N, C-alpha and C. Protein backbone atom coordinates (compact mmCIF):
# COMPACT_ATOMS: atom_id res chain seq x y z
N MET A 1 47.88 -69.61 2.78
CA MET A 1 47.77 -70.86 2.05
C MET A 1 49.56 -71.05 1.69
N SER A 2 49.93 -71.92 2.17
CA SER A 2 51.22 -72.34 1.95
C SER A 2 51.67 -72.34 0.39
N ASN A 3 52.67 -72.06 0.27
CA ASN A 3 53.36 -72.34 -1.24
C ASN A 3 54.24 -73.42 -1.42
N ARG A 4 54.39 -74.15 -0.36
CA ARG A 4 55.45 -75.16 -0.45
C ARG A 4 55.09 -76.19 -1.70
N GLU A 5 56.18 -76.81 -2.21
CA GLU A 5 55.85 -77.42 -3.39
C GLU A 5 55.61 -78.83 -3.22
N LEU A 6 54.69 -79.32 -3.85
CA LEU A 6 54.02 -80.49 -3.53
C LEU A 6 55.03 -81.76 -4.01
N GLN A 7 55.18 -82.69 -3.23
CA GLN A 7 55.95 -83.91 -3.34
C GLN A 7 55.55 -84.98 -4.59
N PRO A 8 55.83 -85.71 -4.86
CA PRO A 8 55.61 -86.53 -6.15
C PRO A 8 54.41 -87.16 -5.62
N TYR A 9 54.22 -87.68 -4.57
CA TYR A 9 53.10 -88.59 -4.11
C TYR A 9 51.89 -87.72 -4.10
N GLU A 10 52.10 -86.14 -3.85
CA GLU A 10 50.87 -85.61 -3.36
C GLU A 10 50.14 -85.10 -4.56
N GLY A 11 51.04 -84.92 -5.62
CA GLY A 11 50.64 -84.52 -6.87
C GLY A 11 49.90 -85.85 -7.49
N ALA A 12 50.17 -86.75 -7.00
CA ALA A 12 49.55 -88.03 -7.81
C ALA A 12 48.20 -88.52 -7.32
N ILE A 13 48.32 -88.07 -6.04
CA ILE A 13 46.97 -88.17 -5.28
C ILE A 13 45.92 -87.20 -5.83
N GLN A 14 46.44 -85.90 -5.91
CA GLN A 14 45.10 -84.91 -6.75
C GLN A 14 45.04 -85.35 -8.06
N GLN A 15 45.96 -85.89 -8.89
CA GLN A 15 45.92 -86.36 -10.14
C GLN A 15 44.72 -87.18 -10.39
N ALA A 16 44.65 -88.12 -9.07
CA ALA A 16 43.76 -89.01 -9.55
C ALA A 16 42.33 -88.58 -8.99
N LYS A 17 41.55 -87.28 -8.61
CA LYS A 17 40.70 -86.95 -8.22
C LYS A 17 39.57 -87.08 -9.31
N SER A 18 39.83 -86.42 -10.75
CA SER A 18 39.05 -86.52 -11.71
C SER A 18 38.14 -87.98 -11.75
N ARG A 19 39.15 -88.73 -11.79
CA ARG A 19 38.72 -90.29 -12.38
C ARG A 19 38.16 -90.99 -11.18
N PHE A 20 38.85 -90.39 -9.86
CA PHE A 20 38.28 -91.07 -8.71
C PHE A 20 36.85 -90.71 -8.43
N VAL A 21 36.40 -89.36 -8.64
CA VAL A 21 35.16 -88.91 -8.32
C VAL A 21 34.07 -89.72 -9.22
N LYS A 22 34.83 -89.81 -10.82
CA LYS A 22 34.01 -90.45 -11.96
C LYS A 22 33.28 -92.00 -11.57
N VAL A 23 34.37 -92.39 -10.97
CA VAL A 23 34.06 -94.16 -10.68
C VAL A 23 33.73 -94.58 -9.22
N ALA A 24 33.80 -93.62 -8.30
CA ALA A 24 33.42 -93.80 -6.98
C ALA A 24 32.08 -93.96 -6.68
N GLU A 25 31.96 -95.48 -5.76
CA GLU A 25 30.74 -95.15 -4.92
C GLU A 25 30.48 -94.20 -4.26
N GLU A 26 29.32 -94.21 -4.11
CA GLU A 26 28.61 -93.06 -3.23
C GLU A 26 28.99 -92.97 -2.01
N SER A 27 29.31 -94.09 -1.00
CA SER A 27 30.02 -94.35 -0.02
C SER A 27 31.50 -94.04 0.13
N VAL A 28 32.21 -93.61 -0.92
CA VAL A 28 33.07 -93.04 -0.90
C VAL A 28 33.61 -91.67 -0.90
N ASN A 29 34.35 -91.00 -0.28
CA ASN A 29 34.27 -89.36 -0.36
C ASN A 29 35.93 -89.19 -1.03
N TYR A 30 36.06 -88.62 -1.71
CA TYR A 30 37.77 -88.20 -2.37
C TYR A 30 38.64 -87.76 -1.04
N ASP A 31 37.85 -86.35 -1.02
CA ASP A 31 38.68 -85.66 -0.05
C ASP A 31 38.86 -86.23 1.36
N ARG A 32 38.23 -87.10 1.82
CA ARG A 32 38.10 -87.80 3.06
C ARG A 32 39.38 -88.93 3.08
N GLU A 33 38.87 -89.70 1.51
CA GLU A 33 39.99 -90.71 1.45
C GLU A 33 41.43 -90.35 1.14
N CYS A 34 41.58 -88.85 0.67
CA CYS A 34 43.05 -88.24 0.28
C CYS A 34 43.55 -87.85 1.57
N ILE A 35 43.10 -87.86 2.83
CA ILE A 35 43.20 -87.39 3.96
C ILE A 35 44.15 -88.65 4.56
N PHE A 36 43.26 -89.84 4.24
CA PHE A 36 43.63 -91.46 4.79
C PHE A 36 45.03 -91.68 4.22
N ALA A 37 44.83 -91.33 2.83
CA ALA A 37 46.09 -91.94 2.21
C ALA A 37 47.73 -90.91 2.49
N MET A 38 47.08 -89.81 2.79
CA MET A 38 48.48 -88.65 2.86
C MET A 38 48.91 -89.42 4.48
N GLN A 39 48.07 -89.84 5.33
CA GLN A 39 48.33 -90.02 6.60
C GLN A 39 49.21 -91.59 6.31
N ALA A 40 48.75 -92.50 5.41
CA ALA A 40 49.24 -93.80 5.22
C ALA A 40 50.88 -93.53 4.95
N MET A 41 51.24 -92.51 4.12
CA MET A 41 52.40 -92.28 3.49
C MET A 41 53.06 -91.62 4.33
N MET A 42 52.65 -90.95 5.51
CA MET A 42 53.48 -89.76 6.11
C MET A 42 54.04 -90.85 7.29
N LYS A 43 53.22 -91.82 7.69
CA LYS A 43 53.58 -92.56 8.93
C LYS A 43 54.78 -93.50 8.72
N ASN A 44 55.06 -93.56 7.44
CA ASN A 44 56.19 -94.97 7.11
C ASN A 44 57.22 -94.17 6.08
N ASP A 45 58.25 -93.79 6.25
CA ASP A 45 59.32 -93.60 5.81
C ASP A 45 59.47 -94.42 4.29
N PHE A 46 59.53 -95.39 4.35
CA PHE A 46 59.67 -96.32 3.05
C PHE A 46 58.30 -96.32 2.31
N ALA A 47 57.57 -95.92 2.84
CA ALA A 47 56.00 -95.97 2.22
C ALA A 47 56.38 -94.53 1.48
N MET A 48 56.57 -93.59 2.00
CA MET A 48 56.58 -92.25 1.31
C MET A 48 57.86 -92.14 0.14
N SER A 49 59.02 -92.89 0.47
CA SER A 49 59.96 -92.96 -0.54
C SER A 49 59.54 -93.76 -1.82
N THR A 50 58.79 -94.88 -1.42
CA THR A 50 58.12 -95.70 -2.85
C THR A 50 57.45 -95.08 -3.36
N ALA A 51 56.51 -94.15 -2.53
CA ALA A 51 55.26 -93.20 -2.99
C ALA A 51 55.90 -92.19 -4.19
N ASN A 52 56.88 -91.58 -3.82
CA ASN A 52 57.63 -90.74 -4.24
C ASN A 52 58.47 -91.24 -5.54
N LYS A 53 58.77 -92.34 -5.25
CA LYS A 53 59.84 -92.96 -6.76
C LYS A 53 58.83 -93.43 -7.54
N ASN A 54 57.69 -93.82 -7.39
CA ASN A 54 56.55 -94.60 -8.26
C ASN A 54 55.36 -93.68 -7.96
N PRO A 55 54.89 -92.52 -8.16
CA PRO A 55 54.11 -91.64 -7.92
C PRO A 55 52.67 -92.10 -8.93
N GLY A 56 52.94 -92.73 -9.83
CA GLY A 56 51.99 -93.46 -10.79
C GLY A 56 51.14 -94.26 -10.14
N SER A 57 51.81 -95.35 -9.22
CA SER A 57 51.39 -96.51 -8.53
C SER A 57 50.57 -96.01 -7.45
N VAL A 58 50.69 -94.62 -7.00
CA VAL A 58 49.65 -93.93 -6.00
C VAL A 58 48.51 -93.48 -6.53
N ARG A 59 48.55 -92.79 -7.87
CA ARG A 59 47.47 -92.67 -8.72
C ARG A 59 46.63 -93.76 -8.92
N LEU A 60 46.94 -94.87 -9.27
CA LEU A 60 46.27 -96.13 -9.78
C LEU A 60 45.55 -96.68 -8.56
N ALA A 61 46.39 -96.44 -7.43
CA ALA A 61 45.89 -97.12 -5.95
C ALA A 61 44.66 -96.66 -5.55
N MET A 62 44.84 -94.95 -5.73
CA MET A 62 43.74 -94.34 -5.29
C MET A 62 42.64 -94.51 -6.15
N ILE A 63 42.82 -94.50 -7.25
CA ILE A 63 41.59 -95.11 -8.38
C ILE A 63 40.94 -96.59 -8.28
N ASN A 64 41.87 -97.48 -7.55
CA ASN A 64 41.36 -98.71 -7.24
C ASN A 64 40.20 -98.48 -6.06
N VAL A 65 40.42 -97.33 -4.80
CA VAL A 65 40.27 -97.29 -3.56
C VAL A 65 38.76 -96.93 -4.34
N ALA A 66 38.31 -96.20 -5.17
CA ALA A 66 37.04 -95.52 -5.57
C ALA A 66 36.41 -96.84 -6.39
N SER A 67 37.21 -97.65 -7.39
CA SER A 67 36.34 -98.58 -7.83
C SER A 67 35.82 -100.08 -7.34
N THR A 68 36.64 -99.95 -5.86
CA THR A 68 36.14 -100.84 -4.76
C THR A 68 35.27 -100.52 -3.74
N GLY A 69 35.06 -99.36 -3.67
CA GLY A 69 34.27 -98.86 -2.97
C GLY A 69 34.49 -98.58 -1.41
N LEU A 70 35.66 -99.29 -1.09
CA LEU A 70 36.16 -99.51 0.04
C LEU A 70 37.04 -98.08 0.74
N THR A 71 36.62 -97.81 1.97
CA THR A 71 37.44 -96.75 2.47
C THR A 71 38.73 -97.30 3.12
N LEU A 72 39.80 -96.20 3.36
CA LEU A 72 41.28 -96.48 3.65
C LEU A 72 41.34 -95.96 5.25
N ASN A 73 40.02 -95.95 5.71
CA ASN A 73 39.90 -95.59 7.21
C ASN A 73 40.77 -96.64 7.89
N PRO A 74 41.93 -96.08 8.66
CA PRO A 74 42.28 -97.69 9.40
C PRO A 74 41.50 -98.22 10.54
N ALA A 75 40.53 -97.39 10.98
CA ALA A 75 39.72 -97.79 12.00
C ALA A 75 38.89 -99.23 11.25
N ASN A 76 38.40 -98.96 10.10
CA ASN A 76 37.62 -99.93 9.44
C ASN A 76 38.28 -101.39 8.84
N ALA A 77 39.64 -101.13 9.04
CA ALA A 77 40.59 -102.42 8.55
C ALA A 77 39.92 -103.04 6.94
N TYR A 78 39.65 -102.34 6.12
CA TYR A 78 39.03 -102.61 5.14
C TYR A 78 40.09 -102.95 3.92
N ALA A 79 40.91 -101.73 3.75
CA ALA A 79 41.84 -101.61 2.88
C ALA A 79 42.92 -100.38 3.27
N TYR A 80 44.24 -100.76 2.75
CA TYR A 80 45.33 -100.13 2.80
C TYR A 80 46.51 -99.72 1.53
N LEU A 81 47.04 -98.70 1.99
CA LEU A 81 48.19 -98.23 0.76
C LEU A 81 49.23 -98.80 1.30
N VAL A 82 49.90 -99.93 0.70
CA VAL A 82 50.73 -100.41 1.43
C VAL A 82 52.12 -100.06 0.19
N PRO A 83 53.73 -100.24 0.68
CA PRO A 83 54.57 -100.55 -0.50
C PRO A 83 54.74 -101.71 -0.67
N ARG A 84 55.04 -102.03 -1.81
CA ARG A 84 55.26 -103.34 -2.27
C ARG A 84 55.88 -103.76 -3.61
N ASP A 85 56.89 -104.47 -3.74
CA ASP A 85 57.49 -104.56 -5.12
C ASP A 85 57.90 -102.82 -5.76
N ASN A 86 58.37 -102.38 -5.23
CA ASN A 86 58.90 -100.88 -5.58
C ASN A 86 57.33 -99.91 -6.10
N ALA A 87 56.45 -100.04 -5.39
CA ALA A 87 55.29 -99.50 -5.87
C ALA A 87 53.86 -99.38 -4.54
N ILE A 88 53.09 -98.49 -4.78
CA ILE A 88 52.29 -98.14 -3.83
C ILE A 88 51.05 -98.91 -4.43
N VAL A 89 50.56 -99.96 -3.78
CA VAL A 89 49.23 -100.88 -3.84
C VAL A 89 48.19 -100.83 -3.25
N LEU A 90 47.41 -101.47 -3.44
CA LEU A 90 45.89 -101.24 -2.43
C LEU A 90 45.60 -102.75 -1.94
N ASP A 91 45.99 -102.78 -0.65
CA ASP A 91 45.90 -104.03 -0.23
C ASP A 91 44.65 -104.29 0.45
N ILE A 92 43.93 -105.02 -0.23
CA ILE A 92 42.70 -105.33 0.45
C ILE A 92 42.21 -106.52 1.41
N SER A 93 41.85 -106.43 2.47
CA SER A 93 41.46 -107.37 3.70
C SER A 93 40.50 -108.17 3.36
N TYR A 94 40.56 -109.42 4.06
CA TYR A 94 39.60 -110.26 3.92
C TYR A 94 38.19 -109.62 4.62
N LYS A 95 38.39 -108.70 5.47
CA LYS A 95 37.08 -107.99 6.13
C LYS A 95 36.68 -106.97 4.93
N GLY A 96 37.56 -106.46 4.28
CA GLY A 96 37.03 -105.75 3.06
C GLY A 96 36.26 -106.09 1.54
N LEU A 97 36.48 -107.43 1.52
CA LEU A 97 35.97 -108.35 0.83
C LEU A 97 34.55 -108.60 1.21
N ILE A 98 34.50 -109.39 2.27
CA ILE A 98 33.40 -109.56 3.33
C ILE A 98 32.46 -108.20 2.96
N LYS A 99 32.60 -106.92 3.18
CA LYS A 99 32.35 -105.80 3.13
C LYS A 99 31.55 -105.40 1.82
N ILE A 100 32.40 -105.90 0.91
CA ILE A 100 31.64 -105.82 -0.33
C ILE A 100 30.66 -106.42 -0.86
N ALA A 101 30.74 -107.75 -0.58
CA ALA A 101 29.67 -108.93 -0.69
C ALA A 101 28.25 -108.42 0.19
N THR A 102 28.49 -108.13 1.17
CA THR A 102 27.37 -107.66 2.34
C THR A 102 26.75 -106.67 1.50
N ASP A 103 27.43 -105.72 1.51
CA ASP A 103 26.90 -104.06 0.93
C ASP A 103 26.06 -104.67 -0.52
N SER A 104 26.52 -105.57 -1.39
CA SER A 104 26.17 -105.75 -2.62
C SER A 104 24.50 -106.47 -2.29
N GLY A 105 24.26 -107.21 -1.46
CA GLY A 105 23.15 -108.22 -0.99
C GLY A 105 23.53 -109.84 -1.41
N SER A 106 24.73 -109.81 -1.75
CA SER A 106 24.70 -111.24 -2.16
C SER A 106 24.96 -112.29 -1.01
N ILE A 107 25.18 -111.83 0.05
CA ILE A 107 25.05 -112.85 1.32
C ILE A 107 24.92 -111.80 2.19
N LEU A 108 24.23 -112.44 3.43
CA LEU A 108 23.73 -111.28 4.98
C LEU A 108 24.94 -111.55 5.64
N TRP A 109 26.04 -112.40 5.69
CA TRP A 109 26.88 -112.33 6.58
C TRP A 109 27.86 -113.57 6.22
N ALA A 110 29.32 -113.00 6.51
CA ALA A 110 30.47 -114.51 5.93
C ALA A 110 31.24 -113.91 7.50
N ARG A 111 31.81 -115.21 7.50
CA ARG A 111 32.97 -115.26 8.62
C ARG A 111 33.95 -116.47 8.38
N ALA A 112 35.54 -115.70 8.36
CA ALA A 112 36.25 -116.96 8.17
C ALA A 112 37.21 -117.18 9.13
N ASP A 113 37.81 -118.09 9.37
CA ASP A 113 38.52 -118.36 10.36
C ASP A 113 39.82 -119.69 10.14
N VAL A 114 41.00 -120.04 10.69
CA VAL A 114 41.58 -120.81 10.57
C VAL A 114 41.51 -121.69 11.39
N VAL A 115 42.06 -123.15 11.46
CA VAL A 115 41.87 -124.53 12.36
C VAL A 115 43.29 -124.98 12.45
N TYR A 116 43.69 -125.00 13.69
CA TYR A 116 44.89 -125.65 14.32
C TYR A 116 44.54 -126.83 14.78
N GLY A 117 45.67 -127.78 14.82
CA GLY A 117 46.12 -128.95 14.69
C GLY A 117 44.98 -129.59 16.33
N GLU A 118 45.02 -128.92 17.17
CA GLU A 118 44.68 -129.36 18.62
C GLU A 118 43.20 -129.03 18.54
N ASP A 119 42.66 -128.02 17.37
CA ASP A 119 41.23 -127.52 17.32
C ASP A 119 40.18 -128.93 16.86
N GLN A 120 38.99 -128.97 17.34
CA GLN A 120 37.94 -130.16 16.81
C GLN A 120 37.35 -129.51 15.51
N PHE A 121 37.48 -130.02 14.50
CA PHE A 121 36.50 -129.36 13.41
C PHE A 121 36.05 -130.51 12.47
N THR A 122 34.68 -130.71 12.26
CA THR A 122 34.10 -131.38 11.75
C THR A 122 33.58 -130.77 10.15
N TYR A 123 33.68 -131.01 9.51
CA TYR A 123 33.27 -130.69 7.86
C TYR A 123 31.73 -131.38 7.77
N HIS A 124 30.87 -130.44 7.24
CA HIS A 124 29.41 -131.62 7.14
C HIS A 124 29.14 -131.31 5.58
N GLY A 125 29.83 -130.86 4.98
CA GLY A 125 29.53 -130.45 3.31
C GLY A 125 29.21 -129.05 3.10
N PRO A 126 29.40 -128.57 1.53
CA PRO A 126 29.44 -127.58 1.32
C PRO A 126 28.10 -126.59 1.73
N ALA A 127 26.93 -126.86 1.85
CA ALA A 127 25.91 -126.64 2.56
C ALA A 127 25.22 -126.85 3.75
N GLN A 128 26.12 -127.03 4.60
CA GLN A 128 25.74 -127.11 6.02
C GLN A 128 27.00 -126.41 7.01
N MET A 129 26.60 -125.92 8.11
CA MET A 129 27.57 -125.21 8.91
C MET A 129 28.64 -126.41 9.38
N PRO A 130 29.82 -125.93 9.61
CA PRO A 130 30.52 -126.99 10.15
C PRO A 130 30.91 -127.06 11.63
N GLU A 131 31.08 -127.70 12.10
CA GLU A 131 31.57 -127.72 13.72
C GLU A 131 32.92 -127.36 13.88
N HIS A 132 33.43 -126.23 15.01
CA HIS A 132 34.59 -125.90 15.12
C HIS A 132 34.53 -125.63 16.59
N SER A 133 35.65 -126.22 17.20
CA SER A 133 35.78 -126.09 18.53
C SER A 133 37.25 -125.70 18.87
N ALA A 134 37.37 -125.09 19.82
CA ALA A 134 38.82 -124.80 20.35
C ALA A 134 39.02 -123.95 21.20
N ASP A 135 40.07 -124.05 22.24
CA ASP A 135 40.17 -123.38 23.53
C ASP A 135 41.00 -121.99 22.98
N PRO A 136 40.35 -120.79 22.94
CA PRO A 136 40.86 -119.67 22.82
C PRO A 136 42.23 -119.32 23.59
N PHE A 137 42.19 -119.84 24.64
CA PHE A 137 43.32 -119.31 25.67
C PHE A 137 44.52 -120.36 25.58
N LYS A 138 44.42 -121.21 25.12
CA LYS A 138 45.65 -122.14 24.74
C LYS A 138 46.67 -121.59 24.44
N THR A 139 47.91 -121.60 24.86
CA THR A 139 48.98 -120.93 24.28
C THR A 139 49.25 -121.70 23.11
N ASP A 140 49.01 -122.90 22.86
CA ASP A 140 49.75 -123.54 21.75
C ASP A 140 48.70 -124.73 21.18
N ARG A 141 47.89 -124.35 20.23
CA ARG A 141 46.88 -124.85 19.67
C ARG A 141 47.37 -125.55 18.83
N GLY A 142 48.72 -125.86 18.14
CA GLY A 142 49.29 -126.67 17.06
C GLY A 142 49.46 -125.97 15.99
N GLU A 143 50.02 -126.48 14.80
CA GLU A 143 50.24 -125.86 13.63
C GLU A 143 48.81 -125.66 12.84
N VAL A 144 48.60 -124.71 11.94
CA VAL A 144 47.87 -124.32 11.53
C VAL A 144 47.71 -125.36 10.25
N VAL A 145 46.14 -126.13 10.24
CA VAL A 145 46.03 -126.95 9.21
C VAL A 145 44.92 -126.87 7.94
N GLY A 146 44.66 -125.69 8.02
CA GLY A 146 43.47 -125.09 7.26
C GLY A 146 42.60 -123.89 7.44
N ALA A 147 41.81 -123.28 6.58
CA ALA A 147 41.00 -122.17 6.87
C ALA A 147 39.78 -122.70 6.30
N TYR A 148 38.49 -122.10 6.60
CA TYR A 148 37.26 -122.24 6.21
C TYR A 148 36.17 -121.00 6.12
N CYS A 149 35.40 -120.77 5.69
CA CYS A 149 34.55 -119.47 5.39
C CYS A 149 33.03 -120.12 5.27
N ILE A 150 32.23 -119.35 6.14
CA ILE A 150 31.07 -119.48 6.54
C ILE A 150 30.40 -118.38 5.83
N ALA A 151 29.28 -118.67 4.72
CA ALA A 151 28.06 -117.11 4.33
C ALA A 151 26.99 -117.73 4.18
N LYS A 152 25.94 -116.94 4.86
CA LYS A 152 24.66 -117.08 4.80
C LYS A 152 23.84 -116.34 3.82
N THR A 153 23.36 -116.58 3.01
CA THR A 153 22.74 -115.90 1.57
C THR A 153 21.41 -115.43 2.32
N LYS A 154 20.83 -114.25 1.34
CA LYS A 154 19.55 -114.03 1.87
C LYS A 154 18.28 -114.51 1.86
N ASP A 155 18.65 -115.69 1.02
CA ASP A 155 17.43 -116.88 1.13
C ASP A 155 17.67 -117.84 2.39
N GLY A 156 18.42 -117.33 3.04
CA GLY A 156 18.88 -118.73 4.37
C GLY A 156 19.76 -119.42 4.18
N ASP A 157 20.27 -119.84 2.94
CA ASP A 157 21.30 -121.06 2.52
C ASP A 157 22.64 -120.77 3.15
N VAL A 158 23.17 -121.78 3.65
CA VAL A 158 24.75 -121.44 4.49
C VAL A 158 25.84 -122.27 3.43
N LEU A 159 26.69 -121.40 3.03
CA LEU A 159 27.32 -121.60 2.16
C LEU A 159 29.01 -122.24 3.13
N THR A 160 29.33 -122.91 2.60
CA THR A 160 30.72 -123.39 3.49
C THR A 160 31.71 -123.78 2.71
N GLU A 161 32.82 -122.94 2.89
CA GLU A 161 34.09 -123.41 1.86
C GLU A 161 35.73 -123.66 2.91
N VAL A 162 36.05 -124.93 2.52
CA VAL A 162 37.23 -124.94 3.03
C VAL A 162 38.31 -125.42 2.54
N MET A 163 39.53 -124.79 3.01
CA MET A 163 40.87 -124.94 2.34
C MET A 163 42.17 -125.68 3.11
N SER A 164 42.62 -126.43 2.84
CA SER A 164 43.76 -127.19 3.44
C SER A 164 45.15 -126.13 3.51
N MET A 165 45.91 -126.46 4.37
CA MET A 165 46.98 -125.98 4.71
C MET A 165 47.95 -126.01 3.38
N ALA A 166 48.20 -127.33 2.66
CA ALA A 166 48.43 -127.30 1.51
C ALA A 166 48.06 -126.68 0.24
N GLU A 167 46.81 -126.34 0.33
CA GLU A 167 46.00 -125.46 -0.53
C GLU A 167 46.66 -124.15 -0.24
N ILE A 168 46.71 -123.71 0.93
CA ILE A 168 47.11 -122.37 1.31
C ILE A 168 48.26 -121.86 0.86
N ALA A 169 49.34 -123.07 1.22
CA ALA A 169 50.74 -122.89 0.85
C ALA A 169 50.67 -122.50 -0.48
N LYS A 170 50.04 -123.08 -1.37
CA LYS A 170 50.42 -123.01 -2.95
C LYS A 170 50.11 -121.85 -3.68
N ILE A 171 49.20 -121.15 -2.78
CA ILE A 171 48.66 -119.55 -3.10
C ILE A 171 50.05 -118.64 -2.56
N ARG A 172 50.28 -119.26 -0.88
CA ARG A 172 51.57 -118.43 -0.55
C ARG A 172 52.73 -118.16 -1.10
N ASP A 173 53.03 -119.44 -1.75
CA ASP A 173 53.96 -119.94 -2.53
C ASP A 173 54.36 -118.90 -3.75
N LYS A 174 53.09 -118.77 -4.33
CA LYS A 174 52.96 -117.84 -5.57
C LYS A 174 53.55 -116.17 -5.20
N SER A 175 53.51 -116.24 -4.10
CA SER A 175 53.60 -114.29 -3.76
C SER A 175 55.27 -114.31 -3.75
N MET A 176 55.46 -113.39 -4.62
CA MET A 176 57.02 -113.02 -4.84
C MET A 176 57.76 -112.71 -3.55
N SER A 177 57.23 -111.89 -2.76
CA SER A 177 58.34 -111.60 -1.45
C SER A 177 58.21 -112.89 -0.68
N TYR A 178 57.54 -113.91 -0.43
CA TYR A 178 57.52 -114.86 0.40
C TYR A 178 58.59 -115.65 -0.56
N ALA A 179 58.26 -115.92 -1.92
CA ALA A 179 58.90 -116.95 -2.63
C ALA A 179 60.46 -116.81 -2.76
N LYS A 180 60.81 -115.23 -2.74
CA LYS A 180 62.11 -114.93 -2.78
C LYS A 180 62.91 -114.80 -1.41
N LYS A 181 62.22 -113.90 -0.54
CA LYS A 181 62.70 -113.57 0.93
C LYS A 181 62.07 -114.01 1.74
N LYS A 182 61.29 -114.61 1.78
CA LYS A 182 60.57 -115.23 2.96
C LYS A 182 59.90 -114.06 3.51
N ARG A 183 59.46 -113.00 3.20
CA ARG A 183 58.83 -111.96 4.17
C ARG A 183 57.57 -111.32 3.39
N GLY A 184 56.86 -110.41 4.04
CA GLY A 184 55.81 -109.83 3.24
C GLY A 184 54.46 -110.12 3.98
N PRO A 185 53.54 -110.06 3.51
CA PRO A 185 52.33 -110.33 4.67
C PRO A 185 51.83 -111.72 4.81
N TRP A 186 52.67 -112.75 4.01
CA TRP A 186 52.13 -114.05 4.26
C TRP A 186 53.26 -114.40 5.39
N VAL A 187 54.11 -113.50 5.90
CA VAL A 187 54.74 -113.67 7.09
C VAL A 187 54.42 -113.12 8.34
N ASP A 188 54.26 -112.01 8.01
CA ASP A 188 53.63 -110.67 9.08
C ASP A 188 52.40 -111.26 9.64
N TRP A 189 51.53 -111.66 8.50
CA TRP A 189 50.18 -111.48 8.81
C TRP A 189 49.43 -112.64 8.32
N PHE A 190 49.96 -113.89 8.68
CA PHE A 190 49.28 -115.34 8.03
C PHE A 190 48.04 -115.68 8.01
N GLU A 191 47.62 -115.45 9.56
CA GLU A 191 46.23 -115.72 9.84
C GLU A 191 45.32 -114.98 8.79
N GLN A 192 45.50 -113.59 8.66
CA GLN A 192 44.61 -113.05 7.69
C GLN A 192 44.88 -113.12 6.25
N MET A 193 45.67 -113.66 6.06
CA MET A 193 46.07 -114.03 4.58
C MET A 193 45.38 -115.16 4.55
N ALA A 194 45.61 -116.12 5.26
CA ALA A 194 45.10 -117.52 4.98
C ALA A 194 43.22 -117.26 5.01
N LYS A 195 42.68 -116.36 5.66
CA LYS A 195 41.40 -116.16 6.02
C LYS A 195 40.98 -115.46 4.20
N LYS A 196 41.46 -114.60 3.91
CA LYS A 196 41.34 -114.14 2.76
C LYS A 196 41.37 -115.07 1.63
N ALA A 197 42.39 -115.92 1.38
CA ALA A 197 42.59 -117.18 0.58
C ALA A 197 41.40 -118.02 0.26
N VAL A 198 40.75 -118.05 1.53
CA VAL A 198 39.42 -119.18 1.65
C VAL A 198 38.72 -118.40 1.11
N ILE A 199 38.27 -116.84 1.54
CA ILE A 199 36.93 -116.10 1.25
C ILE A 199 37.23 -116.04 -0.32
N LYS A 200 38.29 -115.71 -0.97
CA LYS A 200 38.24 -115.61 -2.37
C LYS A 200 37.86 -116.75 -2.98
N ARG A 201 38.20 -117.86 -2.57
CA ARG A 201 37.56 -118.90 -3.32
C ARG A 201 36.10 -119.15 -2.87
N ALA A 202 35.69 -118.98 -1.55
CA ALA A 202 34.42 -119.14 -1.24
C ALA A 202 33.51 -118.34 -2.19
N CYS A 203 33.90 -116.82 -2.39
CA CYS A 203 33.02 -115.87 -3.01
C CYS A 203 32.56 -116.50 -4.26
N LYS A 204 33.33 -117.31 -4.97
CA LYS A 204 32.78 -117.65 -6.46
C LYS A 204 31.70 -118.52 -6.24
N THR A 205 31.46 -119.08 -5.06
CA THR A 205 30.01 -119.80 -5.03
C THR A 205 28.92 -119.24 -4.42
N TRP A 206 29.21 -117.84 -4.11
CA TRP A 206 28.13 -116.88 -3.35
C TRP A 206 26.72 -116.54 -4.86
N PRO A 207 25.85 -116.07 -4.16
CA PRO A 207 25.09 -115.48 -5.43
C PRO A 207 25.97 -114.44 -6.15
N TYR A 208 25.42 -114.40 -7.38
CA TYR A 208 25.87 -113.26 -8.16
C TYR A 208 25.78 -111.92 -7.56
N THR A 209 27.11 -111.39 -7.40
CA THR A 209 27.33 -109.80 -6.88
C THR A 209 27.76 -108.59 -7.82
N ASP A 210 28.02 -107.57 -7.53
CA ASP A 210 27.86 -106.43 -8.24
C ASP A 210 29.64 -106.75 -8.90
N ARG A 211 29.92 -105.59 -9.76
CA ARG A 211 31.12 -105.85 -10.34
C ARG A 211 32.57 -105.59 -9.17
N ARG A 212 31.86 -104.79 -8.20
CA ARG A 212 32.89 -104.38 -7.35
C ARG A 212 33.47 -106.00 -6.47
N LEU A 213 33.27 -106.84 -6.30
CA LEU A 213 33.72 -108.03 -5.72
C LEU A 213 34.77 -108.81 -6.33
N ASP A 214 34.46 -108.70 -7.76
CA ASP A 214 35.30 -109.26 -8.71
C ASP A 214 36.43 -108.55 -9.32
N GLU A 215 36.51 -107.13 -9.00
CA GLU A 215 37.59 -106.16 -9.30
C GLU A 215 38.38 -106.46 -8.06
N ALA A 216 37.61 -106.34 -6.82
CA ALA A 216 38.65 -106.28 -5.55
C ALA A 216 39.40 -107.87 -5.58
N VAL A 217 38.85 -109.13 -5.89
CA VAL A 217 39.58 -110.06 -5.91
C VAL A 217 40.43 -109.84 -6.93
N GLU A 218 40.45 -109.39 -7.80
CA GLU A 218 41.26 -109.35 -9.19
C GLU A 218 42.64 -108.34 -8.52
N ILE A 219 42.08 -106.98 -8.02
CA ILE A 219 43.46 -106.45 -7.40
C ILE A 219 43.99 -106.91 -6.54
N ALA A 220 43.10 -107.91 -5.41
CA ALA A 220 44.11 -108.71 -4.31
C ALA A 220 45.03 -109.38 -5.09
N ASN A 221 44.61 -110.17 -6.03
CA ASN A 221 45.30 -111.38 -6.53
C ASN A 221 46.50 -110.48 -7.35
N GLN A 222 46.21 -109.56 -7.78
CA GLN A 222 47.66 -108.69 -8.32
C GLN A 222 48.73 -108.60 -7.84
N ASN A 223 47.87 -107.77 -6.45
CA ASN A 223 48.93 -107.07 -5.79
C ASN A 223 49.60 -108.11 -4.72
N GLU A 224 49.15 -109.09 -4.63
CA GLU A 224 49.71 -110.29 -3.71
C GLU A 224 50.54 -111.30 -4.55
């Protein structure tokens, strides 16, 4: 057994265990998520430095993992621990939000996509499937003009939400990292962030879900 002194972030992960176990969904295992969290910190010097300077944020992020029921396994791409604004936060992807909704039984499936200026997109209303055609191999499809989300409920209903680029930009501009320094996820992962924005709006129209989706959206809003 090694007598190596734990770094602050490692201690914070351990301190989160009791609360983690208390609030965790059955699908989330503390020991497994602990490994994923450690790996996330060790692969990025800036993340490790941030975690050691603010270990309390690491503890809170781990508790958020438990409350949402999303794994940190990078292979699933549902959620990540990332450094942001001098803290480590739980960053939930659009895939993670869909995962929670489908697991709860609110919807059978959901899909989000962005629309470019050269695409063909026809909106048929909130209760009909839209038409979206594009050449995926085209090198220039124009600028992004909007995003949409389609979901199918367990009763077979189709729910469609659309968001214009102007609406997406309003959400993007509220991000401190983007507004102040023009950097962060809205720069590095614009399409994914646009999809997440329209999913967060769409889920308000989906049938009632358990508390996890509400909590996940709240966490995503706070951390963005």
